[in-house]
Structure formats: structure tokens, C-alpha cells
Amino acid sequence: MTKVEMEAHRDAYQKFLDKARAALQAGLCQEAVDFAVSSWDHIDGMLQYERKYEGKDSGSIDAIGLVLQYAPPLLDFESLNKLETLLRSQRRLVKHSSVDLGDRLLKASSMMWEAQRFLNYLEKHFTVDEDNLSAVYGGDGEEWHRIAEAWVEMGFVHRVSEKRSHHFSLTTRMDQPILAKCPSCAAVAKAPKAKFLDELTCPKCRQKRAFVFLAKEPASRE
């Protein structure tokens, strides 16, 4: 790969990463994960450029770290599967990273299954005391707090304070209709929230994508 090619990959990687960060700022976590995953096509060239021309031998890979952080609470199994494939096919990533990506992937996968269990509990009981997470799920409760905090950030659950106690509760039930947007064509659909937890075929562009939850209906462009 020539210097020009490596530099082009470095620039493309950074553009996708910038889009991912902007999506996070807008509260569009699934869209942010999708942008981060798209950047992975350019990681190898980016790493070669950094090593040869910037003298970077190891460091964190932000586009992977973003997915490891947000895919579990999003129940985004597909993105973690793609990361597993990426780590197997590009050993340069493992060598370049300053953290054990294989270990972090295992922890993220475990956290995702726990998030699924947490969601099932909330669907059944609708609320859980923040101070009672350890009693409900076992362990020290730190992982449950991380999941709950991520869901609060996404607007998926909210924290309610009552006197000296605090509890987490679902913002909406899974059978209640919500609005969600296709990340490919921006078409807006309305369906029960549970339906949007899986990838859907967009009725407009016909692509199968993970729809992005919307807090409110978009303003008319007319």
C-alpha cells in the first residue's frame, strides 16, 4: 500500500469516526455504532500510516472502543460479531492496540446477554430500585449500573428519585408504539418499540437496517 493510499484510508477512517461522535452528541447511539463499524474498512491502512509516518506503535482504536461501549446496551449482536471477524482477519489490530481487544470483546458479549436479561426483568416488573440491583441480579451490581446508565443516556429508561430512594424504569413499554428512523434513507416508521430491537427491512429503500429511535416526530420540510 502506497503512502497516498494509506493516507486516504486514514482520512476516511477519521471522517466516519467524526460522524459517529456527532451522532452520539445527537443521542443517536445506534447510528453512531453504524458509522464506527463503517470505519473499520479503513483501519488497516490507517494503522499502517500511523506506524510509518507518525511513529505510533500502539494506542487505543476509538472506533472499536465506541462499539464495545455502546453495542451491548443496544443489544447489537451483529456489530460485535463483525468485530470478532475483524479481529480474526486483521492481526495488526491486536498488535497495535494498547488494550486486549479479545478480552474486551468477550466482556462486551457477556454484558450484552446481561442487558437482555435486564431488559426482560424490566419488561416484567417495569421498574427496579437502583440500590437493589445486586439483590435482583447478584454480584456487585456495577455491570447493571453501567447498563442502566447507558440506557438513561439513550432515553431508553429514566431514573426516578423518590425521597431517599432511586429507581430505574422503562421510558415506554415494549408494546407501545414509537417513532424510529431508517439510517439509510431517513424514512420514519411507527411500530411497537420491541419491533425496532431487531433489524427491519425499510419499506422505502428496502435495506435491512437497525432503525434509530426518535424522541419526537421530525418537523415537516414543507
C-alpha atoms as a PDB file:
ATOM      1  CA  MET A   1       0.000   0.000   0.000  1.00  0.00           C
ATOM      2  CA  THR A   2       1.441   3.399  -1.011  1.00  0.00           C
ATOM      3  CA  LYS A   3       1.656   6.407   1.268  1.00  0.00           C
ATOM      4  CA  VAL A   4      -1.159   8.109  -0.651  1.00  0.00           C
ATOM      5  CA  GLU A   5      -3.383   5.052  -0.229  1.00  0.00           C
ATOM      6  CA  MET A   6      -2.627   4.767   3.475  1.00  0.00           C
ATOM      7  CA  GLU A   7      -3.293   8.469   3.975  1.00  0.00           C
ATOM      8  CA  ALA A   8      -6.620   8.148   2.145  1.00  0.00           C
ATOM      9  CA  HIS A   9      -7.627   5.321   4.479  1.00  0.00           C
ATOM     10  CA  ARG A  10      -6.557   7.397   7.489  1.00  0.00           C
ATOM     11  CA  ASP A  11      -8.728  10.311   6.310  1.00  0.00           C
ATOM     12  CA  ALA A  12     -11.727   8.077   5.543  1.00  0.00           C
ATOM     13  CA  TYR A  13     -11.449   6.419   8.958  1.00  0.00           C
ATOM     14  CA  GLN A  14     -11.399   9.810  10.675  1.00  0.00           C
ATOM     15  CA  LYS A  15     -14.457  11.033   8.736  1.00  0.00           C
ATOM     16  CA  PHE A  16     -16.524   8.027   9.831  1.00  0.00           C
ATOM     17  CA  LEU A  17     -15.298   8.442  13.405  1.00  0.00           C
ATOM     18  CA  ASP A  18     -16.263  12.125  13.378  1.00  0.00           C
ATOM     19  CA  LYS A  19     -19.735  11.184  12.131  1.00  0.00           C
ATOM     20  CA  ALA A  20     -20.028   8.600  14.896  1.00  0.00           C
ATOM     21  CA  ARG A  21     -19.122  11.151  17.552  1.00  0.00           C
ATOM     22  CA  ALA A  22     -21.584  13.669  16.111  1.00  0.00           C
ATOM     23  CA  ALA A  23     -24.317  11.017  16.206  1.00  0.00           C
ATOM     24  CA  LEU A  24     -23.535  10.351  19.875  1.00  0.00           C
ATOM     25  CA  GLN A  25     -23.829  14.062  20.597  1.00  0.00           C
ATOM     26  CA  ALA A  26     -27.273  13.988  18.970  1.00  0.00           C
ATOM     27  CA  GLY A  27     -28.310  10.981  21.046  1.00  0.00           C
ATOM     28  CA  LEU A  28     -28.347   8.636  18.027  1.00  0.00           C
ATOM     29  CA  CYS A  29     -26.386   5.784  19.571  1.00  0.00           C
ATOM     30  CA  GLN A  30     -27.224   3.082  17.033  1.00  0.00           C
ATOM     31  CA  GLU A  31     -26.332   5.413  14.189  1.00  0.00           C
ATOM     32  CA  ALA A  32     -23.030   6.157  15.936  1.00  0.00           C
ATOM     33  CA  VAL A  33     -22.245   2.446  16.167  1.00  0.00           C
ATOM     34  CA  ASP A  34     -23.063   2.004  12.471  1.00  0.00           C
ATOM     35  CA  PHE A  35     -20.670   4.809  11.483  1.00  0.00           C
ATOM     36  CA  ALA A  36     -17.953   3.344  13.697  1.00  0.00           C
ATOM     37  CA  VAL A  37     -18.362  -0.093  12.101  1.00  0.00           C
ATOM     38  CA  SER A  38     -18.166   1.512   8.635  1.00  0.00           C
ATOM     39  CA  SER A  39     -14.792   2.995   9.566  1.00  0.00           C
ATOM     40  CA  TRP A  40     -13.326  -0.471  10.075  1.00  0.00           C
ATOM     41  CA  ASP A  41     -12.833  -0.910   6.324  1.00  0.00           C
ATOM     42  CA  HIS A  42     -10.099   1.727   6.632  1.00  0.00           C
ATOM     43  CA  ILE A  43      -8.459   0.715   9.916  1.00  0.00           C
ATOM     44  CA  ASP A  44      -5.622  -1.333   8.427  1.00  0.00           C
ATOM     45  CA  GLY A  45      -4.464   1.481   6.131  1.00  0.00           C
ATOM     46  CA  MET A  46      -4.860   3.997   8.945  1.00  0.00           C
ATOM     47  CA  LEU A  47      -2.719   1.912  11.307  1.00  0.00           C
ATOM     48  CA  GLN A  48      -0.002   1.466   8.672  1.00  0.00           C
ATOM     49  CA  TYR A  49       0.068   5.212   8.084  1.00  0.00           C
ATOM     50  CA  GLU A  50       0.295   5.998  11.804  1.00  0.00           C
ATOM     51  CA  ARG A  51       3.101   3.491  12.329  1.00  0.00           C
ATOM     52  CA  LYS A  52       5.207   4.524   9.319  1.00  0.00           C
ATOM     53  CA  TYR A  53       4.659   8.284   9.225  1.00  0.00           C
ATOM     54  CA  GLU A  54       3.516   9.305  12.701  1.00  0.00           C
ATOM     55  CA  GLY A  55       5.608   6.933  14.793  1.00  0.00           C
ATOM     56  CA  LYS A  56       2.660   5.426  16.658  1.00  0.00           C
ATOM     57  CA  ASP A  57       3.334   1.822  17.611  1.00  0.00           C
ATOM     58  CA  SER A  58       0.305   1.243  19.835  1.00  0.00           C
ATOM     59  CA  GLY A  59      -2.709   3.035  21.209  1.00  0.00           C
ATOM     60  CA  SER A  60      -6.449   2.876  21.537  1.00  0.00           C
ATOM     61  CA  ILE A  61      -8.622   2.446  18.458  1.00  0.00           C
ATOM     62  CA  ASP A  62     -11.533   4.756  19.122  1.00  0.00           C
ATOM     63  CA  ALA A  63     -13.903   3.319  16.514  1.00  0.00           C
ATOM     64  CA  ILE A  64     -13.609  -0.108  18.129  1.00  0.00           C
ATOM     65  CA  GLY A  65     -13.887   1.260  21.655  1.00  0.00           C
ATOM     66  CA  LEU A  66     -17.104   3.060  20.741  1.00  0.00           C
ATOM     67  CA  VAL A  67     -18.697  -0.160  19.512  1.00  0.00           C
ATOM     68  CA  LEU A  68     -17.545  -2.105  22.562  1.00  0.00           C
ATOM     69  CA  GLN A  69     -19.157   0.532  24.781  1.00  0.00           C
ATOM     70  CA  TYR A  70     -22.488   1.042  23.037  1.00  0.00           C
ATOM     71  CA  ALA A  71     -23.282  -2.220  21.235  1.00  0.00           C
ATOM     72  CA  PRO A  72     -24.091  -4.184  24.449  1.00  0.00           C
ATOM     73  CA  PRO A  73     -26.822  -1.843  25.786  1.00  0.00           C
ATOM     74  CA  LEU A  74     -28.182  -1.545  22.244  1.00  0.00           C
ATOM     75  CA  LEU A  75     -28.369  -5.355  22.035  1.00  0.00           C
ATOM     76  CA  ASP A  76     -26.445  -5.007  18.764  1.00  0.00           C
ATOM     77  CA  PHE A  77     -25.237  -8.582  18.355  1.00  0.00           C
ATOM     78  CA  GLU A  78     -24.364  -8.057  14.690  1.00  0.00           C
ATOM     79  CA  SER A  79     -21.766  -5.352  15.350  1.00  0.00           C
ATOM     80  CA  LEU A  80     -19.969  -7.483  17.931  1.00  0.00           C
ATOM     81  CA  ASN A  81     -19.995 -10.420  15.510  1.00  0.00           C
ATOM     82  CA  LYS A  82     -18.415  -8.156  12.893  1.00  0.00           C
ATOM     83  CA  LEU A  83     -15.766  -7.120  15.390  1.00  0.00           C
ATOM     84  CA  GLU A  84     -14.942 -10.747  16.138  1.00  0.00           C
ATOM     85  CA  THR A  85     -14.482 -11.368  12.410  1.00  0.00           C
ATOM     86  CA  LEU A  86     -12.331  -8.241  12.108  1.00  0.00           C
ATOM     87  CA  LEU A  87     -10.008  -9.267  14.936  1.00  0.00           C
ATOM     88  CA  ARG A  88      -9.547 -12.709  13.404  1.00  0.00           C
ATOM     89  CA  SER A  89      -8.747 -11.350   9.949  1.00  0.00           C
ATOM     90  CA  GLN A  90      -6.520  -8.399  10.888  1.00  0.00           C
ATOM     91  CA  ARG A  91      -3.924  -9.327  13.484  1.00  0.00           C
ATOM     92  CA  ARG A  92      -2.390  -5.862  13.129  1.00  0.00           C
ATOM     93  CA  LEU A  93      -5.282  -4.536  15.223  1.00  0.00           C
ATOM     94  CA  VAL A  94      -4.416  -6.762  18.164  1.00  0.00           C
ATOM     95  CA  LYS A  95      -0.737  -5.815  17.906  1.00  0.00           C
ATOM     96  CA  HIS A  96      -1.439  -2.090  17.561  1.00  0.00           C
ATOM     97  CA  SER A  97      -3.957  -1.733  20.363  1.00  0.00           C
ATOM     98  CA  SER A  98      -2.778  -0.839  23.853  1.00  0.00           C
ATOM     99  CA  VAL A  99      -5.632  -2.898  25.340  1.00  0.00           C
ATOM    100  CA  ASP A 100      -6.590  -6.564  24.999  1.00  0.00           C
ATOM    101  CA  LEU A 101      -9.317  -6.311  22.368  1.00  0.00           C
ATOM    102  CA  GLY A 102     -10.122 -10.011  22.549  1.00  0.00           C
ATOM    103  CA  ASP A 103     -10.754  -9.764  26.273  1.00  0.00           C
ATOM    104  CA  ARG A 104     -12.826  -6.611  25.877  1.00  0.00           C
ATOM    105  CA  LEU A 105     -14.908  -8.301  23.182  1.00  0.00           C
ATOM    106  CA  LEU A 106     -15.640 -11.240  25.498  1.00  0.00           C
ATOM    107  CA  LYS A 107     -16.687  -8.834  28.254  1.00  0.00           C
ATOM    108  CA  ALA A 108     -18.872  -6.844  25.858  1.00  0.00           C
ATOM    109  CA  SER A 109     -20.585 -10.034  24.651  1.00  0.00           C
ATOM    110  CA  SER A 110     -21.233 -11.080  28.243  1.00  0.00           C
ATOM    111  CA  MET A 111     -22.585  -7.632  29.038  1.00  0.00           C
ATOM    112  CA  MET A 112     -24.944  -7.838  26.068  1.00  0.00           C
ATOM    113  CA  TRP A 113     -26.515 -11.051  27.331  1.00  0.00           C
ATOM    114  CA  GLU A 114     -26.858  -9.494  30.760  1.00  0.00           C
ATOM    115  CA  ALA A 115     -28.505  -6.455  29.163  1.00  0.00           C
ATOM    116  CA  GLN A 116     -31.005  -8.803  27.535  1.00  0.00           C
ATOM    117  CA  ARG A 117     -31.734 -10.344  30.933  1.00  0.00           C
ATOM    118  CA  PHE A 118     -32.047  -6.879  32.478  1.00  0.00           C
ATOM    119  CA  LEU A 119     -34.498  -5.847  29.744  1.00  0.00           C
ATOM    120  CA  ASN A 120     -36.600  -8.954  30.314  1.00  0.00           C
ATOM    121  CA  TYR A 121     -36.810  -8.105  34.014  1.00  0.00           C
ATOM    122  CA  LEU A 122     -37.826  -4.501  33.343  1.00  0.00           C
ATOM    123  CA  GLU A 123     -40.447  -5.657  30.867  1.00  0.00           C
ATOM    124  CA  LYS A 124     -41.937  -7.886  33.531  1.00  0.00           C
ATOM    125  CA  HIS A 125     -41.638  -5.542  36.521  1.00  0.00           C
ATOM    126  CA  PHE A 126     -41.335  -2.187  34.712  1.00  0.00           C
ATOM    127  CA  THR A 127     -39.113  -0.749  37.466  1.00  0.00           C
ATOM    128  CA  VAL A 128     -36.173  -1.718  39.709  1.00  0.00           C
ATOM    129  CA  ASP A 129     -34.655   0.039  42.722  1.00  0.00           C
ATOM    130  CA  GLU A 130     -31.199   1.376  41.930  1.00  0.00           C
ATOM    131  CA  ASP A 131     -29.883   0.264  45.320  1.00  0.00           C
ATOM    132  CA  ASN A 132     -31.428  -3.170  44.854  1.00  0.00           C
ATOM    133  CA  LEU A 133     -29.657  -4.172  41.627  1.00  0.00           C
ATOM    134  CA  SER A 134     -27.252  -6.500  43.410  1.00  0.00           C
ATOM    135  CA  ALA A 135     -30.076  -8.310  45.194  1.00  0.00           C
ATOM    136  CA  VAL A 136     -32.049  -8.704  41.970  1.00  0.00           C
ATOM    137  CA  TYR A 137     -29.199  -9.801  39.701  1.00  0.00           C
ATOM    138  CA  GLY A 138     -26.427 -10.938  42.025  1.00  0.00           C
ATOM    139  CA  GLY A 139     -22.823  -9.807  42.088  1.00  0.00           C
ATOM    140  CA  ASP A 140     -21.729  -6.296  42.992  1.00  0.00           C
ATOM    141  CA  GLY A 141     -24.210  -4.579  40.683  1.00  0.00           C
ATOM    142  CA  GLU A 142     -21.579  -2.493  38.871  1.00  0.00           C
ATOM    143  CA  GLU A 143     -22.345  -4.035  35.480  1.00  0.00           C
ATOM    144  CA  TRP A 144     -26.053  -3.447  35.957  1.00  0.00           C
ATOM    145  CA  HIS A 145     -25.356   0.179  36.775  1.00  0.00           C
ATOM    146  CA  ARG A 146     -23.299   0.560  33.588  1.00  0.00           C
ATOM    147  CA  ILE A 147     -26.113  -0.880  31.515  1.00  0.00           C
ATOM    148  CA  ALA A 148     -28.741   1.248  33.249  1.00  0.00           C
ATOM    149  CA  GLU A 149     -26.639   4.415  32.866  1.00  0.00           C
ATOM    150  CA  ALA A 150     -26.208   3.721  29.160  1.00  0.00           C
ATOM    151  CA  TRP A 151     -29.956   3.262  28.772  1.00  0.00           C
ATOM    152  CA  VAL A 152     -30.580   6.526  30.632  1.00  0.00           C
ATOM    153  CA  GLU A 153     -28.235   8.262  28.178  1.00  0.00           C
ATOM    154  CA  MET A 154     -30.146   6.732  25.261  1.00  0.00           C
ATOM    155  CA  GLY A 155     -33.510   7.715  26.709  1.00  0.00           C
ATOM    156  CA  PHE A 156     -34.483   4.063  26.903  1.00  0.00           C
ATOM    157  CA  VAL A 157     -35.021   4.167  30.672  1.00  0.00           C
ATOM    158  CA  HIS A 158     -35.201   7.003  33.177  1.00  0.00           C
ATOM    159  CA  ARG A 159     -34.029   7.382  36.737  1.00  0.00           C
ATOM    160  CA  VAL A 160     -36.733   8.467  39.181  1.00  0.00           C
ATOM    161  CA  SER A 161     -35.962   9.855  42.627  1.00  0.00           C
ATOM    162  CA  GLU A 162     -38.463   9.394  45.430  1.00  0.00           C
ATOM    163  CA  LYS A 163     -37.435  10.648  48.854  1.00  0.00           C
ATOM    164  CA  ARG A 164     -34.161   8.840  49.595  1.00  0.00           C
ATOM    165  CA  SER A 165     -34.579   6.089  47.041  1.00  0.00           C
ATOM    166  CA  HIS A 166     -33.936   5.951  43.313  1.00  0.00           C
ATOM    167  CA  HIS A 167     -35.163   3.513  40.721  1.00  0.00           C
ATOM    168  CA  PHE A 168     -34.876   2.821  37.018  1.00  0.00           C
ATOM    169  CA  SER A 169     -37.963   2.344  34.895  1.00  0.00           C
ATOM    170  CA  LEU A 170     -38.665   1.893  31.206  1.00  0.00           C
ATOM    171  CA  THR A 171     -39.463   5.112  29.397  1.00  0.00           C
ATOM    172  CA  THR A 172     -42.083   3.203  27.412  1.00  0.00           C
ATOM    173  CA  ARG A 173     -43.248  -0.375  27.381  1.00  0.00           C
ATOM    174  CA  MET A 174     -42.087  -2.548  24.533  1.00  0.00           C
ATOM    175  CA  ASP A 175     -45.633  -2.907  23.224  1.00  0.00           C
ATOM    176  CA  GLN A 176     -46.183   0.846  22.991  1.00  0.00           C
ATOM    177  CA  PRO A 177     -45.716   2.450  19.560  1.00  0.00           C
ATOM    178  CA  ILE A 178     -42.754   4.750  18.969  1.00  0.00           C
ATOM    179  CA  LEU A 179     -41.146   6.548  16.033  1.00  0.00           C
ATOM    180  CA  ALA A 180     -37.867   5.329  14.538  1.00  0.00           C
ATOM    181  CA  LYS A 181     -35.807   6.398  11.528  1.00  0.00           C
ATOM    182  CA  CYS A 182     -34.114   4.342   8.833  1.00  0.00           C
ATOM    183  CA  PRO A 183     -30.394   5.286   8.929  1.00  0.00           C
ATOM    184  CA  SER A 184     -30.093   4.709   5.165  1.00  0.00           C
ATOM    185  CA  CYS A 185     -32.883   6.881   3.739  1.00  0.00           C
ATOM    186  CA  ALA A 186     -34.231   8.697   6.830  1.00  0.00           C
ATOM    187  CA  ALA A 187     -37.728   7.257   6.360  1.00  0.00           C
ATOM    188  CA  VAL A 188     -39.706   7.395   9.618  1.00  0.00           C
ATOM    189  CA  ALA A 189     -41.758   4.417  10.766  1.00  0.00           C
ATOM    190  CA  LYS A 190     -44.086   3.861  13.704  1.00  0.00           C
ATOM    191  CA  ALA A 191     -44.364   0.482  15.413  1.00  0.00           C
ATOM    192  CA  PRO A 192     -44.186  -1.154  18.860  1.00  0.00           C
ATOM    193  CA  LYS A 193     -40.776  -0.479  20.423  1.00  0.00           C
ATOM    194  CA  ALA A 194     -39.975  -4.195  20.651  1.00  0.00           C
ATOM    195  CA  LYS A 195     -40.110  -4.446  16.856  1.00  0.00           C
ATOM    196  CA  PHE A 196     -37.254  -1.975  16.461  1.00  0.00           C
ATOM    197  CA  LEU A 197     -34.890  -4.017  18.643  1.00  0.00           C
ATOM    198  CA  ASP A 198     -34.203  -6.167  15.570  1.00  0.00           C
ATOM    199  CA  GLU A 199     -33.116  -5.112  12.113  1.00  0.00           C
ATOM    200  CA  LEU A 200     -36.021  -4.354   9.792  1.00  0.00           C
ATOM    201  CA  THR A 201     -36.393  -4.059   6.038  1.00  0.00           C
ATOM    202  CA  CYS A 202     -37.169  -0.420   5.352  1.00  0.00           C
ATOM    203  CA  PRO A 203     -40.426  -0.096   3.364  1.00  0.00           C
ATOM    204  CA  LYS A 204     -38.931   2.815   1.418  1.00  0.00           C
ATOM    205  CA  CYS A 205     -35.342   1.917   0.491  1.00  0.00           C
ATOM    206  CA  ARG A 206     -35.717  -1.863   1.087  1.00  0.00           C
ATOM    207  CA  GLN A 207     -32.441  -2.075   3.006  1.00  0.00           C
ATOM    208  CA  LYS A 208     -32.325  -4.145   6.181  1.00  0.00           C
ATOM    209  CA  ARG A 209     -31.077  -1.875   8.944  1.00  0.00           C
ATOM    210  CA  ALA A 210     -31.330  -1.211  12.664  1.00  0.00           C
ATOM    211  CA  PHE A 211     -33.748   1.709  12.957  1.00  0.00           C
ATOM    212  CA  VAL A 212     -32.816   4.663  15.191  1.00  0.00           C
ATOM    213  CA  PHE A 213     -35.240   5.617  17.961  1.00  0.00           C
ATOM    214  CA  LEU A 214     -36.637   9.174  17.733  1.00  0.00           C
ATOM    215  CA  ALA A 215     -37.622  11.231  20.741  1.00  0.00           C
ATOM    216  CA  LYS A 216     -40.210  13.160  18.732  1.00  0.00           C
ATOM    217  CA  GLU A 217     -41.638  13.365  15.246  1.00  0.00           C
ATOM    218  CA  PRO A 218     -39.385  15.222  12.776  1.00  0.00           C
ATOM    219  CA  ALA A 219     -40.510  18.666  11.685  1.00  0.00           C
ATOM    220  CA  SER A 220     -42.123  18.896   8.287  1.00  0.00           C
ATOM    221  CA  ARG A 221     -39.839  20.033   5.443  1.00  0.00           C
ATOM    222  CA  GLU A 222     -42.683  21.597   3.515  1.00  0.00           C
END
